Protein backbone atom coordinates (compact mmCIF):
# COMPACT_ATOMS: atom_id res chain seq x y z
CA UNK A 1 -109.12 -28.13 -8.61
CA UNK A 2 -109.47 -24.39 -9.29
CA UNK A 3 -106.94 -22.39 -7.30
CA UNK A 4 -104.95 -25.42 -6.18
CA UNK A 5 -101.36 -24.43 -5.49
CA UNK A 6 -98.37 -26.39 -6.69
CA UNK A 7 -97.16 -28.98 -4.19
CA UNK A 8 -94.13 -31.25 -3.96
CA UNK A 9 -94.62 -34.90 -4.81
CA UNK A 10 -93.88 -37.25 -7.68
CA UNK A 11 -96.62 -35.39 -9.51
CA UNK A 12 -96.00 -31.71 -8.93
CA UNK A 13 -99.74 -31.10 -9.03
CA UNK A 14 -99.85 -28.00 -11.22
CA UNK A 15 -100.02 -27.11 -14.89
CA UNK A 16 -96.97 -26.27 -16.98
CA UNK A 17 -97.24 -23.69 -19.76
CA UNK A 18 -94.30 -24.09 -22.15
CA UNK A 19 -93.80 -21.20 -24.57
CA UNK A 20 -91.67 -22.33 -27.51
CA UNK A 21 -91.17 -21.70 -31.23
CA UNK A 22 -92.53 -24.67 -33.17
CA UNK A 23 -92.45 -27.80 -30.99
CA UNK A 24 -93.65 -30.47 -31.73
CA UNK A 25 -94.21 -29.62 -35.41
CA UNK A 26 -90.80 -28.53 -36.66
CA UNK A 27 -87.09 -28.73 -35.91
CA UNK A 28 -86.70 -25.58 -33.79
CA UNK A 29 -86.60 -27.36 -30.42
CA UNK A 30 -85.77 -31.05 -30.93
CA UNK A 31 -84.23 -31.26 -27.44
CA UNK A 32 -87.52 -30.33 -25.81
CA UNK A 33 -88.74 -33.81 -26.73
CA UNK A 34 -86.48 -35.43 -24.12
CA UNK A 35 -87.83 -33.10 -21.46
CA UNK A 36 -91.42 -33.96 -22.40
CA UNK A 37 -90.68 -37.69 -22.31
CA UNK A 38 -89.10 -37.62 -18.85
CA UNK A 39 -91.40 -35.11 -17.14
CA UNK A 40 -94.73 -35.77 -18.83
CA UNK A 41 -96.28 -37.21 -15.65
CA UNK A 42 -94.82 -34.60 -13.32
CA UNK A 43 -97.55 -32.09 -14.20
CA UNK A 44 -101.33 -32.28 -14.19
CA UNK A 45 -101.50 -30.72 -17.65
CA UNK A 46 -98.90 -29.41 -20.09
CA UNK A 47 -99.90 -26.59 -22.39
CA UNK A 48 -97.51 -25.98 -25.28
CA UNK A 49 -97.93 -22.36 -26.36
CA UNK A 50 -96.72 -21.45 -29.86
CA UNK A 51 -96.87 -17.67 -30.40
CA UNK A 52 -96.08 -17.26 -34.11
CA UNK A 53 -95.51 -20.50 -36.00
CA UNK A 54 -98.48 -21.54 -38.16
CA UNK A 55 -99.53 -25.05 -37.15
CA UNK A 56 -102.52 -25.46 -39.46
CA UNK A 57 -102.36 -28.81 -41.30
CA UNK A 58 -99.07 -29.63 -39.56
CA UNK A 59 -98.43 -33.10 -38.15
CA UNK A 60 -96.31 -33.42 -34.99
CA UNK A 61 -92.78 -34.65 -35.71
CA UNK A 62 -91.86 -35.03 -32.06
CA UNK A 63 -93.37 -36.65 -28.99
CA UNK A 64 -96.51 -35.08 -27.60
CA UNK A 65 -97.56 -36.32 -24.13
CA UNK A 66 -101.11 -37.56 -23.64
CA UNK A 67 -101.70 -34.81 -21.06
CA UNK A 68 -100.42 -32.07 -23.39
CA UNK A 69 -102.42 -29.56 -25.40
CA UNK A 70 -100.99 -27.34 -28.12
CA UNK A 71 -102.25 -23.74 -28.29
CA UNK A 72 -101.36 -21.54 -31.26
CA UNK A 73 -101.61 -17.80 -30.57
CA UNK A 74 -101.16 -16.73 -34.20
CA UNK A 75 -99.51 -13.47 -33.27
CA UNK A 76 -99.64 -11.09 -36.22
CA UNK A 77 -96.37 -9.97 -37.76
CA UNK A 78 -97.95 -6.59 -38.55
CA UNK A 79 -97.58 -5.13 -35.08
CA UNK A 80 -97.67 -1.35 -34.99
CA UNK A 81 -94.14 -0.24 -34.07
CA UNK A 82 -95.07 3.46 -33.66
CA UNK A 83 -97.85 2.48 -31.26
CA UNK A 84 -95.45 0.23 -29.37
CA UNK A 85 -92.92 3.05 -29.15
CA UNK A 86 -95.48 5.47 -27.74
CA UNK A 87 -96.54 2.84 -25.22
CA UNK A 88 -92.90 2.21 -24.29
CA UNK A 89 -92.50 5.88 -23.44
CA UNK A 90 -94.89 5.37 -20.53
CA UNK A 91 -92.95 2.41 -19.09
CA UNK A 92 -90.33 2.66 -16.37
CA UNK A 93 -88.62 -0.40 -17.86
CA UNK A 94 -87.99 1.53 -21.07
CA UNK A 95 -85.99 4.29 -19.38
CA UNK A 96 -84.19 1.82 -17.11
CA UNK A 97 -83.16 -0.11 -20.20
CA UNK A 98 -81.78 3.01 -21.88
CA UNK A 99 -79.73 3.67 -18.76
CA UNK A 100 -78.49 0.08 -18.79
CA UNK A 101 -77.42 0.34 -22.42
CA UNK A 102 -75.49 3.55 -21.82
CA UNK A 103 -73.88 2.95 -18.44
CA UNK A 104 -73.83 -0.81 -17.82
CA UNK A 105 -73.20 -2.07 -21.35
CA UNK A 106 -71.40 1.16 -22.34
CA UNK A 107 -73.05 1.08 -25.76
CA UNK A 108 -74.61 3.79 -27.90
CA UNK A 109 -78.37 3.93 -28.22
CA UNK A 110 -78.42 3.38 -31.97
CA UNK A 111 -81.53 3.33 -34.12
CA UNK A 112 -81.00 -0.40 -34.65
CA UNK A 113 -80.90 -1.12 -30.91
CA UNK A 114 -83.89 1.12 -30.32
CA UNK A 115 -85.86 -0.79 -32.98
CA UNK A 116 -84.90 -4.08 -31.32
CA UNK A 117 -86.11 -2.79 -27.96
CA UNK A 118 -89.38 -1.47 -29.35
CA UNK A 119 -89.97 -4.77 -31.14
CA UNK A 120 -89.63 -6.52 -27.78
CA UNK A 121 -92.34 -4.29 -26.35
CA UNK A 122 -94.59 -4.77 -29.36
CA UNK A 123 -94.37 -8.56 -29.48
CA UNK A 124 -94.63 -8.97 -25.73
CA UNK A 125 -97.76 -6.81 -25.68
CA UNK A 126 -99.40 -8.87 -28.44
CA UNK A 127 -98.34 -12.07 -26.68
CA UNK A 128 -99.87 -10.95 -23.38
CA UNK A 129 -103.21 -10.09 -24.97
CA UNK A 130 -103.45 -13.37 -26.90
CA UNK A 131 -102.18 -15.48 -24.01
CA UNK A 132 -104.79 -14.15 -21.57
CA UNK A 133 -107.59 -15.09 -23.97
CA UNK A 134 -106.09 -18.50 -24.83
CA UNK A 135 -105.64 -19.71 -21.24
CA UNK A 136 -108.96 -18.58 -19.85
CA UNK A 137 -110.27 -21.34 -17.60
CA UNK A 138 -107.03 -23.33 -17.92
CA UNK A 139 -104.58 -21.59 -15.60
CA UNK A 140 -104.63 -21.86 -11.80
CA UNK A 141 -102.77 -20.29 -8.93
CA UNK A 142 -99.27 -21.72 -8.64
CA UNK A 143 -99.01 -22.88 -12.25
CA UNK A 144 -95.68 -22.47 -14.02
CA UNK A 145 -95.01 -20.27 -17.06
CA UNK A 146 -91.87 -21.51 -18.83
CA UNK A 147 -90.26 -20.01 -21.93
CA UNK A 148 -87.83 -22.36 -23.64
CA UNK A 149 -85.82 -19.38 -24.89
CA UNK A 150 -85.30 -15.97 -23.32
CA UNK A 151 -87.17 -13.69 -25.69
CA UNK A 152 -89.83 -11.01 -25.75
CA UNK A 153 -92.23 -13.70 -24.58
CA UNK A 154 -90.15 -14.11 -21.45
CA UNK A 155 -90.64 -10.42 -20.78
CA UNK A 156 -94.33 -11.09 -21.42
CA UNK A 157 -94.65 -13.83 -18.81
CA UNK A 158 -93.02 -11.60 -16.20
CA UNK A 159 -95.97 -9.25 -16.75
CA UNK A 160 -98.43 -12.12 -16.30
CA UNK A 161 -97.09 -13.54 -13.04
CA UNK A 162 -99.11 -11.33 -10.72
CA UNK A 163 -102.30 -11.56 -12.76
CA UNK A 164 -102.38 -15.36 -12.49
CA UNK A 165 -100.39 -15.79 -9.24
CA UNK A 166 -98.10 -17.95 -11.35
CA UNK A 167 -94.40 -18.78 -11.27
CA UNK A 168 -92.21 -17.87 -14.24
CA UNK A 169 -88.93 -19.34 -15.49
CA UNK A 170 -86.91 -19.46 -18.69
CA UNK A 171 -84.22 -21.59 -20.22
CA UNK A 172 -81.32 -19.84 -21.95
CA UNK A 173 -79.20 -21.63 -24.54
CA UNK A 174 -76.72 -19.75 -26.72
CA UNK A 175 -77.94 -16.93 -28.94
CA UNK A 176 -80.23 -15.75 -26.13
CA UNK A 177 -77.31 -15.72 -23.66
CA UNK A 178 -74.33 -14.27 -25.49
CA UNK A 179 -74.86 -10.68 -26.63
CA UNK A 180 -72.09 -11.00 -29.24
CA UNK A 181 -74.22 -13.45 -31.20
CA UNK A 182 -76.89 -10.83 -31.87
CA UNK A 183 -76.74 -8.41 -34.79
CA UNK A 184 -76.56 -5.37 -32.51
CA UNK A 185 -74.45 -6.94 -29.78
CA UNK A 186 -77.53 -6.37 -27.66
CA UNK A 187 -80.24 -8.45 -25.97
CA UNK A 188 -83.13 -6.32 -24.66
CA UNK A 189 -84.60 -5.98 -21.17
CA UNK A 190 -82.44 -8.56 -19.41
CA UNK A 191 -82.43 -6.67 -16.05
CA UNK A 192 -86.22 -6.20 -16.21
CA UNK A 193 -86.66 -9.91 -16.96
CA UNK A 194 -84.24 -11.12 -14.28
CA UNK A 195 -85.72 -8.81 -11.66
CA UNK A 196 -89.11 -10.50 -11.95
CA UNK A 197 -88.50 -14.09 -13.03
CA UNK A 198 -88.28 -16.79 -10.40
CA UNK A 199 -85.29 -18.28 -12.21
CA UNK A 200 -83.37 -18.22 -15.48
CA UNK A 201 -81.72 -21.57 -16.22
CA UNK A 202 -78.72 -21.52 -18.55
CA UNK A 203 -77.64 -24.72 -20.27
CA UNK A 204 -74.04 -24.22 -19.13
CA UNK A 205 -72.10 -22.80 -16.21
CA UNK A 206 -70.26 -20.61 -18.69
CA UNK A 207 -73.59 -19.06 -19.65
CA UNK A 208 -74.42 -18.31 -16.02
CA UNK A 209 -71.02 -16.73 -15.37
CA UNK A 210 -71.28 -14.68 -18.55
CA UNK A 211 -74.72 -13.29 -17.69
CA UNK A 212 -73.81 -12.42 -14.12
CA UNK A 213 -70.77 -10.52 -15.38
CA UNK A 214 -72.77 -8.87 -18.16
CA UNK A 215 -75.69 -7.79 -16.00
CA UNK A 216 -75.17 -7.97 -12.23
CA UNK A 217 -74.12 -10.51 -9.63
CA UNK A 218 -77.22 -9.52 -7.67
CA UNK A 219 -78.95 -12.12 -9.85
CA UNK A 220 -76.71 -14.94 -8.63
CA UNK A 221 -79.64 -16.59 -6.84
CA UNK A 222 -81.84 -16.33 -9.93
CA UNK A 223 -79.55 -17.25 -12.82
CA UNK A 224 -78.25 -20.78 -12.50
CA UNK A 225 -77.12 -23.64 -14.75
CA UNK A 226 -79.37 -26.59 -15.51
CA UNK A 227 -77.86 -29.03 -17.99
CA UNK A 228 -79.89 -30.50 -20.79
CA UNK A 229 -79.50 -34.20 -21.44
CA UNK A 230 -80.03 -37.07 -23.82
CA UNK A 231 -81.74 -40.41 -23.45
CA UNK A 232 -79.77 -43.50 -22.42
CA UNK A 233 -78.28 -45.40 -25.33
CA UNK A 234 -75.57 -48.03 -25.05
CA UNK A 235 -71.82 -47.74 -24.77
CA UNK A 236 -69.97 -48.95 -27.86
CA UNK A 237 -66.27 -49.75 -27.56
CA UNK A 238 -65.28 -49.17 -31.20
CA UNK A 239 -61.59 -50.00 -31.71
CA UNK A 240 -59.50 -47.97 -34.10
CA UNK A 241 -58.49 -49.62 -37.34
CA UNK A 242 -56.54 -48.56 -40.40
CA UNK A 243 -58.91 -45.63 -40.99
CA UNK A 244 -59.93 -42.94 -38.53
CA UNK A 245 -63.67 -42.34 -38.97
CA UNK A 246 -64.69 -38.83 -37.88
CA UNK A 247 -68.20 -37.39 -37.83
CA UNK A 248 -69.60 -33.86 -37.70
CA UNK A 249 -73.22 -33.26 -36.76
CA UNK A 250 -75.00 -29.94 -37.36
CA UNK A 251 -77.07 -27.94 -39.78
CA UNK A 252 -75.18 -26.08 -42.50
CA UNK A 253 -75.05 -22.63 -40.94
CA UNK A 254 -72.25 -20.07 -40.89
CA UNK A 255 -71.66 -20.19 -37.13
CA UNK A 256 -70.65 -23.87 -37.38
CA UNK A 257 -67.70 -23.03 -39.69
CA UNK A 258 -67.88 -26.48 -41.28
CA UNK A 259 -65.58 -25.46 -44.11
CA UNK A 260 -62.73 -25.57 -41.57
CA UNK A 261 -63.09 -29.35 -41.27
CA UNK A 262 -62.58 -29.75 -45.01
CA UNK A 263 -59.65 -27.32 -44.88
CA UNK A 264 -58.12 -29.24 -41.98
CA UNK A 265 -58.44 -32.57 -43.76
CA UNK A 266 -56.76 -31.06 -46.82
CA UNK A 267 -53.66 -30.53 -44.64
CA UNK A 268 -53.43 -34.18 -43.54
CA UNK A 269 -51.40 -36.61 -45.65
CA UNK A 270 -50.23 -39.28 -43.21
CA UNK A 271 -53.58 -40.54 -41.84
CA UNK A 272 -56.34 -42.38 -43.68
CA UNK A 273 -59.60 -40.69 -42.72
CA UNK A 274 -63.27 -41.20 -43.43
CA UNK A 275 -65.36 -38.10 -42.75
CA UNK A 276 -69.14 -38.23 -42.43
CA UNK A 277 -71.13 -35.04 -42.05
CA UNK A 278 -74.72 -35.41 -40.84
CA UNK A 279 -76.92 -32.37 -41.40
CA UNK A 280 -78.45 -30.25 -44.10
CA UNK A 281 -79.73 -26.76 -44.66
CA UNK A 282 -80.14 -24.11 -47.30
CA UNK A 283 -76.40 -23.98 -47.96
CA UNK A 284 -76.00 -27.73 -48.40
CA UNK A 285 -75.27 -27.71 -52.16
CA UNK A 286 -72.66 -24.98 -51.78
CA UNK A 287 -71.11 -26.92 -48.89
CA UNK A 288 -70.93 -30.11 -50.99
CA UNK A 289 -69.17 -28.30 -53.83
CA UNK A 290 -66.71 -26.66 -51.44
CA UNK A 291 -65.81 -29.99 -49.83
CA UNK A 292 -65.36 -31.68 -53.21
CA UNK A 293 -63.10 -28.86 -54.36
CA UNK A 294 -60.90 -28.93 -51.25
CA UNK A 295 -60.55 -32.69 -51.03
CA UNK A 296 -60.58 -33.73 -54.69
CA UNK A 297 -56.86 -34.63 -54.73
CA UNK A 298 -56.74 -36.28 -51.28
CA UNK A 299 -56.36 -40.02 -51.83
CA UNK A 300 -56.17 -40.61 -48.07
CA UNK A 301 -59.51 -38.89 -47.37
CA UNK A 302 -62.98 -40.25 -48.07
CA UNK A 303 -66.09 -38.30 -47.22
CA UNK A 304 -69.85 -38.72 -47.07
CA UNK A 305 -72.24 -35.77 -46.72
CA UNK A 306 -75.56 -37.27 -45.73
CA UNK A 307 -77.81 -34.22 -45.66
CA UNK A 308 -80.54 -33.85 -43.06
CA UNK A 309 -81.47 -36.89 -40.96
CA UNK A 310 -84.22 -37.51 -38.44
CA UNK A 311 -83.36 -37.94 -34.79
CA UNK A 312 -83.91 -41.70 -35.06
CA UNK A 313 -81.65 -41.87 -38.11
CA UNK A 314 -78.92 -39.88 -36.33
CA UNK A 315 -79.00 -42.29 -33.39
CA UNK A 316 -78.85 -45.24 -35.77
CA UNK A 317 -75.77 -43.78 -37.44
CA UNK A 318 -74.04 -42.99 -34.13
CA UNK A 319 -74.75 -46.51 -32.90
CA UNK A 320 -73.72 -48.50 -35.96
CA UNK A 321 -71.32 -46.55 -38.15
CA UNK A 322 -68.12 -46.98 -36.14
CA UNK A 323 -67.32 -43.32 -35.64
CA UNK A 324 -64.08 -42.72 -33.75
CA UNK A 325 -64.64 -39.07 -32.83
CA UNK A 326 -66.95 -36.11 -33.39
CA UNK A 327 -65.36 -32.92 -34.74
CA UNK A 328 -66.74 -29.42 -34.17
CA UNK A 329 -65.33 -26.08 -35.36
CA UNK A 330 -68.05 -23.62 -34.27
CA UNK A 331 -67.46 -19.94 -33.61
CA UNK A 332 -70.12 -20.01 -30.87
CA UNK A 333 -71.77 -22.73 -28.83
CA UNK A 334 -73.80 -22.99 -25.65
CA UNK A 335 -73.47 -26.61 -24.68
CA UNK A 336 -74.29 -28.75 -27.72
CA UNK A 337 -76.76 -31.60 -27.36
CA UNK A 338 -75.01 -33.33 -30.28
CA UNK A 339 -71.98 -33.69 -27.97
CA UNK A 340 -74.13 -35.35 -25.32
CA UNK A 341 -75.49 -37.75 -27.93
CA UNK A 342 -71.96 -38.64 -29.05
CA UNK A 343 -70.71 -39.16 -25.49
CA UNK A 344 -73.64 -41.45 -24.70
CA UNK A 345 -72.24 -43.89 -27.29
CA UNK A 346 -68.69 -43.43 -26.03
CA UNK A 347 -67.59 -41.25 -28.97
CA UNK A 348 -64.80 -38.77 -28.03
CA UNK A 349 -64.98 -35.14 -29.20
CA UNK A 350 -62.66 -32.61 -30.81
CA UNK A 351 -63.98 -29.06 -30.33
CA UNK A 352 -62.89 -25.46 -29.62
CA UNK A 353 -62.75 -23.77 -26.23
CA UNK A 354 -65.94 -21.75 -26.64
CA UNK A 355 -69.08 -21.33 -24.55
CA UNK A 356 -69.79 -24.33 -22.35
CA UNK A 357 -67.72 -26.81 -24.39
CA UNK A 358 -64.99 -27.17 -21.70
CA UNK A 359 -67.77 -28.37 -19.36
CA UNK A 360 -68.39 -31.37 -21.60
CA UNK A 361 -64.97 -32.00 -23.21
CA UNK A 362 -62.08 -32.66 -20.83
CA UNK A 363 -58.87 -32.23 -22.82
CA UNK A 364 -56.98 -35.49 -23.08
CA UNK A 365 -59.65 -37.42 -21.16
CA UNK A 366 -62.72 -37.71 -23.40
CA UNK A 367 -61.46 -35.71 -26.36
CA UNK A 368 -59.29 -32.78 -27.34
CA UNK A 369 -59.92 -29.05 -27.10
CA UNK A 370 -58.70 -26.75 -29.84
CA UNK A 371 -58.14 -23.02 -29.65
CA UNK A 372 -60.98 -20.51 -29.81
CA UNK A 373 -62.07 -20.10 -33.45
CA UNK A 374 -59.42 -22.60 -34.53
CA UNK A 375 -57.47 -22.36 -37.73
CA UNK A 376 -57.55 -25.45 -39.98
CA UNK A 377 -54.03 -26.44 -38.89
CA UNK A 378 -55.14 -26.46 -35.25
CA UNK A 379 -58.04 -28.76 -36.14
CA UNK A 380 -55.77 -30.97 -38.28
CA UNK A 381 -53.30 -31.32 -35.40
CA UNK A 382 -56.08 -32.42 -33.04
CA UNK A 383 -57.34 -35.00 -35.53
CA UNK A 384 -53.82 -36.39 -35.95
CA UNK A 385 -53.44 -36.45 -32.17
CA UNK A 386 -56.58 -38.60 -31.98
CA UNK A 387 -55.22 -40.88 -34.70
CA UNK A 388 -51.92 -41.38 -32.85
CA UNK A 389 -53.52 -42.73 -29.66
CA UNK A 390 -52.63 -46.34 -29.05
CA UNK A 391 -55.48 -48.86 -28.63
CA UNK A 392 -55.39 -48.71 -24.83
CA UNK A 393 -55.35 -44.91 -24.73
CA UNK A 394 -58.19 -44.68 -27.21
CA UNK A 395 -60.30 -47.28 -25.40
CA UNK A 396 -59.85 -45.33 -22.15
CA UNK A 397 -60.97 -42.16 -23.92
CA UNK A 398 -64.17 -43.87 -25.05
CA UNK A 399 -64.87 -45.09 -21.51
CA UNK A 400 -64.31 -41.56 -20.20
CA UNK A 401 -66.64 -40.19 -22.87
CA UNK A 402 -69.51 -42.41 -21.77
CA UNK A 403 -68.78 -41.75 -18.09
CA UNK A 404 -69.01 -37.98 -18.71
CA UNK A 405 -72.47 -38.48 -20.24
CA UNK A 406 -73.63 -40.69 -17.38
CA UNK A 407 -72.38 -38.25 -14.75
CA UNK A 408 -73.53 -34.94 -16.26
CA UNK A 409 -75.91 -35.39 -19.17
CA UNK A 410 -78.19 -38.33 -18.46
CA UNK A 411 -81.61 -36.96 -19.37
CA UNK A 412 -83.51 -38.95 -16.76
CA UNK A 413 -81.38 -37.55 -13.96
CA UNK A 414 -81.20 -33.97 -15.23
CA UNK A 415 -84.84 -33.44 -16.09
CA UNK A 416 -86.12 -35.15 -12.96
CA UNK A 417 -83.96 -32.73 -10.97
CA UNK A 418 -85.30 -29.85 -13.07
CA UNK A 419 -88.89 -30.85 -12.28
CA UNK A 420 -88.04 -30.89 -8.56
CA UNK A 421 -86.45 -27.45 -8.98
CA UNK A 422 -89.68 -26.17 -10.49
CA UNK A 423 -91.71 -27.70 -7.68
CA UNK A 424 -89.64 -25.82 -5.13
CA UNK A 425 -90.16 -22.37 -6.67
C-alpha cells in the first residue's frame, strides 16, 4: 500500500533497494547471492539497482529472487568534472571535507585527492537524478536504501533519504574501509556519509574499530560489524595421509601475493605437499609460469592451478578433494568469504594477521596465523607446523574449524539477524 511504513514481522513489509555493481550478472558481488537466498521473503519487493554496469543481453549468473527486479541506471562515464567542481563549491560538505583532510587525516589536499572528491560529487549527482526517475511509483515511505559498498552512491542515498522518507544503510568490506588500500590513501566524504546514514555495517570488528579511530568515535552507534556468511554444507573429517594437500582460493590479483605460496613451498624439503590453487584472472598465465619456475626442481611438491571456477565447482572441490588446509598470503583482507567456505567443510586455515582475519582464524585452534605481510619462510614454517600435527591434534583442528563457522558465519543466522536489524531502523 502506498505510504505504508516498515513494520516488524517475519516479512518486514517494505521494499529493499540494493545498489550494487553487477549482481546478478557478473562476479563483482558473489556473496550477495547468499543474502538474497536467505532474505528474499523478508521484503515485499527487492529492487537491485545497477548504476554503471551494462546489462544488455546479459544472463544472470547468480540467484535472482522471484520478488526482485533489476534496474539499470546506465550512468554515463562522461560526467562533466568542471561542472561538478563548480557545484561542489556551493556545498557545505565540500568545505567540511577539506577541513577533515587537513586536520583530521593530516593529509595534503593534492590534485589527485581533489579529483577523487569531485568525482564523488559528479557520480553521486548523476546517480541521484537517474535513481529518482527509475524508482518513480516504486518507492514508499519507510523503504530501505542499501548500498553493498560504501561509494559515491552511498553519498547519493544519504541525499535521497528525506525526499522519500526512506532509511539508508551501507555494507563496508575491505577496500571501502581501509584508506591505505586506495591510491591516494583517501576515501571521500566519510563524515558526511556517516552523519546521515542510519547505519554502516562493516564485515569485521576490525573494520569498525579502524573506522571509528580514523573518523570519530561519535559514530559508534552508527558503525557496527555485521558478519557475512556462507550456506550450510557438511563437515568432512579428512584425515592426514602421506601428503599434505593445501589449497588457495582467490583471483590472481596483486593484493593476494600468491607468489609467496610458491616461494614458501620452494623452501620445504621434508614434507610431501600437493598444492591446488583455485582462481583465475588476467595474470593467470604469468602466475602459472612463475609457479613452474619456482617449483620445477621440487620432487616433494605437486601443484595444480585450476583457473577460474564457478561457485558450484568451488564447493564441489572443497567437499571432495581432501584438502587439509587453506593458505592465504594477502597484504590486505576484510574478512574473506573463502575462509568461511573452507571452515564450513572443517578445513583449517593458514593466514596473516591482517584486517579481520584474527576474528575467523584462532591461532592453534582452527588454523595458524602468520605475521603481517609474511615472508615466504614464515608461510613455510606455518605449513610445516600444520604437517607436524598428530592425527588427534589435526582432527580437533578440523572440528574447531567447523564449529567456528557454525558459531559466527552461518548464513541463515547472520542474514536473518541482519534483516531484523534493518526492520528496527
